[in-house]
Amino acid sequence: MTITIYSKPNCPFCVKSKALVKGLGLTYEEKMFGKDFNSPEELYEAVGKQVRTMPQVLIDGELIGGYNQLVEYFMEKGKVNFKGEKI
């Protein structure tokens, strides 16, 4: 499973997303705004869609979305509950 998290500095939901992935024992690659990409257009090109929030998470090249969508994704896999807590 290849996970990429597009994030920005001082973003609480970015921190929560990274903690959720790490808590499941998974690894991820982080792409930080201002370091790895510098404009919304670069983000749009990377994720394949115009998005307005951070983080944006891709799993195996598929856009999952932000933190809430990430929780839903792992809920469907039976790995977390609706609070994002490991089962």
Protein backbone atom coordinates (compact mmCIF):
# COMPACT_ATOMS: atom_id res chain seq x y z
CA MET A 1 0.00 0.00 0.00
CA THR A 2 1.47 3.34 -1.07
CA ILE A 3 0.18 6.32 0.91
CA THR A 4 0.94 9.94 0.08
CA ILE A 5 -0.23 12.75 2.36
CA TYR A 6 -0.25 16.30 0.98
CA SER A 7 -0.10 18.61 3.96
CA LYS A 8 0.71 22.13 5.07
CA PRO A 9 2.41 23.54 8.17
CA ASN A 10 0.32 24.04 11.34
CA CYS A 11 -2.57 21.94 10.04
CA PRO A 12 -4.28 19.95 12.83
CA PHE A 13 -6.07 17.60 10.42
CA CYS A 14 -2.77 16.92 8.65
CA VAL A 15 -1.27 15.92 11.99
CA LYS A 16 -4.28 13.69 12.75
CA SER A 17 -4.07 12.01 9.34
CA LYS A 18 -0.38 11.23 9.73
CA ALA A 19 -0.97 9.92 13.27
CA LEU A 20 -3.82 7.70 12.07
CA VAL A 21 -1.72 6.13 9.33
CA LYS A 22 1.27 5.72 11.64
CA GLY A 23 -0.97 4.27 14.39
CA LEU A 24 -2.08 1.56 11.98
CA GLY A 25 1.55 0.60 11.47
CA LEU A 26 1.59 1.93 7.91
CA THR A 27 4.14 4.19 6.30
CA TYR A 28 3.47 7.23 4.16
CA GLU A 29 5.25 9.80 2.06
CA GLU A 30 4.54 13.39 3.03
CA LYS A 31 4.45 16.21 0.49
CA MET A 32 4.57 19.56 2.31
CA PHE A 33 3.21 22.81 0.88
CA GLY A 34 6.03 25.33 0.55
CA LYS A 35 8.65 22.61 0.38
CA ASP A 36 7.52 19.90 -2.05
CA PHE A 37 4.95 22.00 -3.92
CA ASN A 38 4.31 25.73 -3.94
CA SER A 39 0.97 26.43 -5.55
CA PRO A 40 -2.59 25.12 -5.50
CA GLU A 41 -2.19 24.28 -9.18
CA GLU A 42 0.67 21.89 -8.40
CA LEU A 43 -1.54 20.20 -5.80
CA TYR A 44 -4.45 19.96 -8.25
CA GLU A 45 -2.18 18.35 -10.81
CA ALA A 46 -0.80 15.88 -8.26
CA VAL A 47 -4.18 14.74 -6.89
CA GLY A 48 -6.09 15.02 -10.17
CA LYS A 49 -8.82 17.32 -8.87
CA GLN A 50 -9.32 20.86 -7.63
CA VAL A 51 -9.43 20.59 -3.85
CA ARG A 52 -9.66 23.35 -1.26
CA THR A 53 -8.60 21.69 1.98
CA MET A 54 -5.64 19.93 3.49
CA PRO A 55 -4.63 17.24 3.99
CA GLN A 56 -5.23 15.36 0.76
CA VAL A 57 -4.47 11.66 0.98
CA LEU A 58 -3.79 9.30 -1.90
CA ILE A 59 -3.67 5.54 -1.41
CA ASP A 60 -2.23 3.51 -4.26
CA GLY A 61 -2.68 6.54 -6.51
CA GLU A 62 -6.39 6.96 -5.68
CA LEU A 63 -7.54 10.22 -4.07
CA ILE A 64 -9.17 9.40 -0.73
CA GLY A 65 -9.63 13.00 0.41
CA GLY A 66 -9.10 14.61 3.79
CA TYR A 67 -8.99 13.30 7.34
CA ASN A 68 -12.69 12.38 7.57
CA GLN A 69 -12.56 10.48 4.29
CA LEU A 70 -9.42 8.71 5.49
CA VAL A 71 -11.25 7.55 8.63
CA GLU A 72 -14.15 6.34 6.46
CA TYR A 73 -11.73 4.49 4.18
CA PHE A 74 -10.15 2.60 7.09
CA MET A 75 -13.58 2.02 8.70
CA GLU A 76 -14.68 0.23 5.55
CA LYS A 77 -11.52 -1.90 5.80
CA GLY A 78 -12.40 -2.76 9.42
CA LYS A 79 -9.26 -1.16 10.82
CA VAL A 80 -10.71 1.79 12.81
CA ASN A 81 -13.98 2.83 14.42
CA PHE A 82 -15.90 5.99 13.53
CA LYS A 83 -13.60 8.02 15.82
CA GLY A 84 -10.53 6.89 13.94
CA GLU A 85 -9.46 4.63 16.80
CA LYS A 86 -7.73 1.36 15.91
CA ILE A 87 -9.96 -1.68 16.34
